Amino acid sequence: MSDYRLVFQAGFGSIQQCMRTQLHDIQHSIEPEVTLIPAGEFRMGRDCGMASERPVHLVALDGFGAGVCCVTNRQYGLFTNDTHRQPPPSSKDERFNHPDQPVTSVNWFDAVEYCEWLSAKSGKRYRLPTEAEWEMAARGGRNGALYTWGDDPPEQQPGYAGLWSTGPERVGSRPPNGFGLFDMSENVHEWCSDWFDPRYYEKSPARNPGGPSSGTRRSSRGGSWRHQIKITRVAARSSIPPEFRYSDYGFRVAMDLQPRR
């Protein structure tokens, strides 16, 4: 007899209890929700963008998992509590410490160590996304578009003027992109795994590019709540030294589905 039939025969009260238990498990799981980004090709960069976004080049990626939202304060708090680490400085500031806001004031090393911890706890391989993976995920299937929704200016987005006044919004506050990912290109900058090289696109491999082998700055993507224009183009690149912690820097996880080729 199937589990479904057993639950059904136990009566409606048991079904309600089962649903409450499942909801509790989802809310209190250590793992962020992840969605599949299918293997495929896309044109990375923008010819009329900044010099570091050129040349536009075709990139092929294996499938991977991407965090539906940035890692939240609640999720990061599970990590700091379990490892007895100091919480980020933003945890004491009411503008940034709501459980459902993205964790901020974490440097690149903090983000990598969180992914390593999550991998050890879950038995899966979590990591930061590469720049190429981030851009493919952010595009949501809209190859060539300026933004996650198309080409209309950010200021025309619903509620734009009233958002991000004192800090990042709670994750998932605005509509998702075509892959079901929230807050791509807005809210906080997101760490990527790559070293940053403004001329990397001139020599980037065509398949699964992972960035330069060395550098002094780590790549980041996405917009920021404290910038004048709050939502950035999906091809826009940014970088800072990996040890820096800023109140508009967070991250989302990526997850390997298979050994990378």
Foldseek 3Di string as FASTA:
>chain_A
DDPVVVQVVVDPVSVVVVVVVVVVCQVPPLDADKFKDAWDKAFAFDPPDDLLRDDTDIATEHMWIWGLWFAFLLNVVVVCVVVVHDAAPCCVPPQHNDRQAHRFQAFLVSQQVSQVVVCVVPVFRKGFAALVVLLSVQCLPVHPAFGLAGPDAPVPPPPSVPALPPAFDGWPPDAGGNRNHTQFQFRAKAFGDEADDSCCVVPADRYPGRYDPDHQKTKIHHAFSPDPRGGGTSNDIDIDGRVGTDRRYGHIMMTDPDDGD
